[in-house]
Amino acid sequence: MNLDRMDAPTWDRMTPDQREQFRAPATPEEYLGFLGWRVEVTTESGCTVRGIVGRSTGWRPCYLLLARRNCYGGSPAPKPVRIRRLYRVR
């Protein structure tokens, strides 16, 4: 099935097994355990970004890097080379 044509009605018609085939982490598993933490991430290109690790609620969930705690969304978290835990966000 082509993901370009995926929409909510198509997703609703799929069985749980079919859904699991399409549901894949869009970001690396390195972010497991950092949900709700403010972190400093060093990427493969050498850039350092800071943000709060969140999780999207879409049909294909991924980890997000939120700029501030009052943000409603953010960009998908980049592939990290190193993650430094700064503090827990409440």
N, C-alpha and C. Protein backbone atom coordinates (compact mmCIF):
# COMPACT_ATOMS: atom_id res chain seq x y z
N MET A 1 0.84 -1.18 0.00
CA MET A 1 0.00 0.00 0.00
C MET A 1 0.89 1.25 0.00
N ASN A 2 0.49 2.24 -0.73
CA ASN A 2 1.26 3.47 -0.88
C ASN A 2 0.93 4.45 0.25
N LEU A 3 1.95 4.90 0.98
CA LEU A 3 1.72 5.83 2.09
C LEU A 3 1.27 7.20 1.61
N ASP A 4 1.55 7.56 0.35
CA ASP A 4 1.12 8.86 -0.16
C ASP A 4 -0.40 8.98 -0.21
N ARG A 5 -1.07 7.86 -0.31
CA ARG A 5 -2.54 7.87 -0.40
C ARG A 5 -3.21 7.52 0.93
N MET A 6 -2.44 7.50 2.00
CA MET A 6 -3.00 7.15 3.31
C MET A 6 -3.84 8.30 3.84
N ASP A 7 -5.05 7.98 4.31
CA ASP A 7 -5.91 8.95 4.94
C ASP A 7 -6.65 8.26 6.09
N ALA A 8 -7.40 9.02 6.85
CA ALA A 8 -8.07 8.48 8.04
C ALA A 8 -9.04 7.34 7.71
N PRO A 9 -9.90 7.46 6.68
CA PRO A 9 -10.80 6.34 6.38
C PRO A 9 -10.06 5.05 6.01
N THR A 10 -8.97 5.18 5.25
CA THR A 10 -8.18 4.00 4.89
C THR A 10 -7.58 3.37 6.13
N TRP A 11 -7.05 4.21 7.01
CA TRP A 11 -6.46 3.72 8.26
C TRP A 11 -7.50 3.01 9.11
N ASP A 12 -8.71 3.54 9.16
CA ASP A 12 -9.78 2.94 9.96
C ASP A 12 -10.20 1.57 9.43
N ARG A 13 -10.09 1.36 8.13
CA ARG A 13 -10.48 0.08 7.53
C ARG A 13 -9.43 -1.00 7.72
N MET A 14 -8.22 -0.64 8.10
CA MET A 14 -7.13 -1.61 8.23
C MET A 14 -7.27 -2.42 9.52
N THR A 15 -6.78 -3.65 9.48
CA THR A 15 -6.77 -4.49 10.68
C THR A 15 -5.61 -4.06 11.57
N PRO A 16 -5.62 -4.42 12.85
CA PRO A 16 -4.49 -4.07 13.71
C PRO A 16 -3.15 -4.58 13.19
N ASP A 17 -3.12 -5.77 12.58
CA ASP A 17 -1.87 -6.29 12.04
C ASP A 17 -1.37 -5.45 10.87
N GLN A 18 -2.29 -5.02 10.00
CA GLN A 18 -1.91 -4.17 8.88
C GLN A 18 -1.40 -2.82 9.38
N ARG A 19 -2.05 -2.28 10.40
CA ARG A 19 -1.61 -0.99 10.96
C ARG A 19 -0.20 -1.09 11.52
N GLU A 20 0.09 -2.21 12.19
CA GLU A 20 1.40 -2.37 12.82
C GLU A 20 2.51 -2.41 11.78
N GLN A 21 2.21 -2.90 10.58
CA GLN A 21 3.22 -2.92 9.52
C GLN A 21 3.60 -1.52 9.09
N PHE A 22 2.64 -0.59 9.14
CA PHE A 22 2.91 0.79 8.72
C PHE A 22 3.42 1.65 9.86
N ARG A 23 3.12 1.26 11.09
CA ARG A 23 3.53 2.05 12.24
C ARG A 23 4.97 1.72 12.56
N ALA A 24 5.83 2.64 12.27
CA ALA A 24 7.25 2.46 12.54
C ALA A 24 7.77 3.73 13.17
N PRO A 25 8.71 3.64 14.07
CA PRO A 25 9.24 4.87 14.66
C PRO A 25 9.89 5.73 13.58
N ALA A 26 9.46 6.98 13.51
CA ALA A 26 10.02 7.89 12.51
C ALA A 26 11.33 8.48 13.00
N THR A 27 11.66 8.28 14.25
CA THR A 27 12.91 8.76 14.80
C THR A 27 13.58 7.61 15.55
N PRO A 28 14.84 7.74 15.83
CA PRO A 28 15.59 6.64 16.46
C PRO A 28 15.09 6.28 17.85
N GLU A 29 15.38 5.07 18.24
CA GLU A 29 14.99 4.59 19.56
C GLU A 29 15.83 5.18 20.67
N GLU A 30 16.83 5.97 20.33
CA GLU A 30 17.67 6.58 21.35
C GLU A 30 16.88 7.52 22.25
N TYR A 31 15.71 7.97 21.80
CA TYR A 31 14.91 8.90 22.60
C TYR A 31 14.03 8.19 23.63
N LEU A 32 13.99 6.87 23.63
CA LEU A 32 13.24 6.15 24.65
C LEU A 32 13.84 6.47 26.01
N GLY A 33 13.01 6.81 26.96
CA GLY A 33 13.49 7.16 28.29
C GLY A 33 13.74 8.65 28.48
N PHE A 34 13.65 9.43 27.41
CA PHE A 34 13.87 10.87 27.50
C PHE A 34 12.56 11.66 27.37
N LEU A 35 11.44 10.99 27.25
CA LEU A 35 10.15 11.65 27.08
C LEU A 35 9.86 12.55 28.28
N GLY A 36 9.61 13.84 28.02
CA GLY A 36 9.34 14.78 29.09
C GLY A 36 10.58 15.44 29.68
N TRP A 37 11.73 15.19 29.10
CA TRP A 37 12.99 15.78 29.58
C TRP A 37 13.46 16.86 28.62
N ARG A 38 14.07 17.90 29.14
CA ARG A 38 14.77 18.87 28.30
C ARG A 38 16.15 18.30 28.06
N VAL A 39 16.53 18.22 26.79
CA VAL A 39 17.79 17.57 26.43
C VAL A 39 18.59 18.47 25.49
N GLU A 40 19.85 18.16 25.38
CA GLU A 40 20.74 18.80 24.42
C GLU A 40 21.20 17.68 23.49
N VAL A 41 20.89 17.81 22.20
CA VAL A 41 21.17 16.78 21.23
C VAL A 41 22.28 17.24 20.29
N THR A 42 23.29 16.42 20.13
CA THR A 42 24.33 16.67 19.13
C THR A 42 24.03 15.75 17.95
N THR A 43 23.89 16.34 16.75
CA THR A 43 23.53 15.58 15.56
C THR A 43 24.77 15.11 14.81
N GLU A 44 24.55 14.32 13.77
CA GLU A 44 25.66 13.80 12.96
C GLU A 44 26.44 14.91 12.28
N SER A 45 25.77 16.02 11.98
CA SER A 45 26.45 17.14 11.32
C SER A 45 27.21 18.03 12.30
N GLY A 46 27.14 17.71 13.59
CA GLY A 46 27.86 18.48 14.60
C GLY A 46 27.06 19.60 15.22
N CYS A 47 25.81 19.79 14.77
CA CYS A 47 24.95 20.84 15.34
C CYS A 47 24.45 20.39 16.71
N THR A 48 24.27 21.36 17.59
CA THR A 48 23.72 21.10 18.91
C THR A 48 22.41 21.83 19.04
N VAL A 49 21.35 21.11 19.38
CA VAL A 49 20.03 21.70 19.56
C VAL A 49 19.51 21.28 20.93
N ARG A 50 18.72 22.18 21.52
CA ARG A 50 18.09 21.88 22.81
C ARG A 50 16.59 21.89 22.64
N GLY A 51 15.92 21.06 23.41
CA GLY A 51 14.47 21.02 23.36
C GLY A 51 13.93 20.00 24.33
N ILE A 52 12.61 19.96 24.39
CA ILE A 52 11.90 19.02 25.25
C ILE A 52 11.42 17.87 24.37
N VAL A 53 11.70 16.66 24.78
CA VAL A 53 11.30 15.50 23.99
C VAL A 53 9.83 15.22 24.24
N GLY A 54 9.06 15.23 23.16
CA GLY A 54 7.63 14.92 23.20
C GLY A 54 7.32 13.82 22.22
N ARG A 55 6.05 13.46 22.13
CA ARG A 55 5.63 12.40 21.22
C ARG A 55 4.41 12.87 20.46
N SER A 56 4.41 12.66 19.16
CA SER A 56 3.26 13.05 18.35
C SER A 56 2.11 12.09 18.59
N THR A 57 0.91 12.50 18.20
CA THR A 57 -0.27 11.66 18.38
C THR A 57 -0.86 11.23 17.04
N GLY A 58 -0.13 11.38 15.98
CA GLY A 58 -0.63 11.05 14.66
C GLY A 58 -0.70 9.55 14.41
N TRP A 59 -1.11 9.18 13.22
CA TRP A 59 -1.23 7.76 12.89
C TRP A 59 0.12 7.08 12.78
N ARG A 60 1.16 7.88 12.56
CA ARG A 60 2.52 7.35 12.56
C ARG A 60 3.33 8.12 13.60
N PRO A 61 3.24 7.71 14.86
CA PRO A 61 3.86 8.48 15.94
C PRO A 61 5.36 8.61 15.78
N CYS A 62 5.87 9.76 16.24
CA CYS A 62 7.32 9.97 16.24
C CYS A 62 7.66 10.85 17.43
N TYR A 63 8.93 10.90 17.76
CA TYR A 63 9.38 11.79 18.82
C TYR A 63 9.57 13.19 18.25
N LEU A 64 9.23 14.19 19.04
CA LEU A 64 9.36 15.59 18.64
C LEU A 64 10.35 16.27 19.56
N LEU A 65 10.97 17.31 19.06
CA LEU A 65 11.82 18.15 19.88
C LEU A 65 11.15 19.51 19.97
N LEU A 66 10.53 19.79 21.13
CA LEU A 66 9.76 21.01 21.34
C LEU A 66 10.66 22.11 21.87
N ALA A 67 10.48 23.32 21.37
CA ALA A 67 11.33 24.43 21.78
C ALA A 67 11.06 24.85 23.23
N ARG A 68 9.79 24.95 23.61
CA ARG A 68 9.41 25.39 24.95
C ARG A 68 8.29 24.50 25.48
N ARG A 69 8.04 24.56 26.77
CA ARG A 69 7.01 23.69 27.34
C ARG A 69 5.60 24.09 26.95
N ASN A 70 5.39 25.32 26.44
CA ASN A 70 4.05 25.72 26.03
C ASN A 70 3.82 25.55 24.53
N CYS A 71 4.71 24.86 23.84
CA CYS A 71 4.56 24.60 22.40
C CYS A 71 3.55 23.49 22.17
N TYR A 72 2.81 23.59 21.08
CA TYR A 72 1.84 22.56 20.71
C TYR A 72 2.42 21.55 19.73
N GLY A 73 3.52 21.85 19.11
CA GLY A 73 4.12 20.94 18.15
C GLY A 73 5.56 21.32 17.90
N GLY A 74 6.21 20.51 17.16
CA GLY A 74 7.60 20.77 16.84
C GLY A 74 8.05 19.91 15.69
N SER A 75 9.31 19.96 15.40
CA SER A 75 9.85 19.17 14.31
C SER A 75 10.22 17.78 14.83
N PRO A 76 10.23 16.80 13.94
CA PRO A 76 10.67 15.47 14.38
C PRO A 76 12.10 15.55 14.94
N ALA A 77 12.32 14.81 15.99
CA ALA A 77 13.63 14.85 16.65
C ALA A 77 14.70 14.32 15.70
N PRO A 78 15.84 15.00 15.63
CA PRO A 78 16.89 14.56 14.71
C PRO A 78 17.61 13.31 15.21
N LYS A 79 18.27 12.62 14.30
CA LYS A 79 19.05 11.44 14.69
C LYS A 79 20.23 11.91 15.53
N PRO A 80 20.30 11.44 16.78
CA PRO A 80 21.35 11.93 17.67
C PRO A 80 22.65 11.14 17.58
N VAL A 81 23.73 11.86 17.83
CA VAL A 81 25.02 11.20 18.06
C VAL A 81 25.21 11.10 19.57
N ARG A 82 24.76 12.16 20.26
CA ARG A 82 24.87 12.21 21.72
C ARG A 82 23.67 12.97 22.26
N ILE A 83 23.10 12.47 23.36
CA ILE A 83 22.00 13.16 24.05
C ILE A 83 22.44 13.41 25.48
N ARG A 84 22.31 14.65 25.90
CA ARG A 84 22.64 15.01 27.28
C ARG A 84 21.36 15.44 27.97
N ARG A 85 21.00 14.77 29.04
CA ARG A 85 19.79 15.06 29.80
C ARG A 85 20.04 16.32 30.65
N LEU A 86 19.18 17.34 30.52
CA LEU A 86 19.36 18.58 31.27
C LEU A 86 18.49 18.59 32.53
N TYR A 87 17.17 18.51 32.37
CA TYR A 87 16.28 18.46 33.53
C TYR A 87 14.91 17.97 33.11
N ARG A 88 14.14 17.49 34.08
CA ARG A 88 12.78 16.99 33.85
C ARG A 88 11.83 18.17 33.79
N VAL A 89 10.96 18.20 32.79
CA VAL A 89 9.97 19.27 32.63
C VAL A 89 8.68 18.82 33.30
N ARG A 90 8.10 19.72 34.09
CA ARG A 90 6.86 19.38 34.79
C ARG A 90 5.70 20.08 34.18
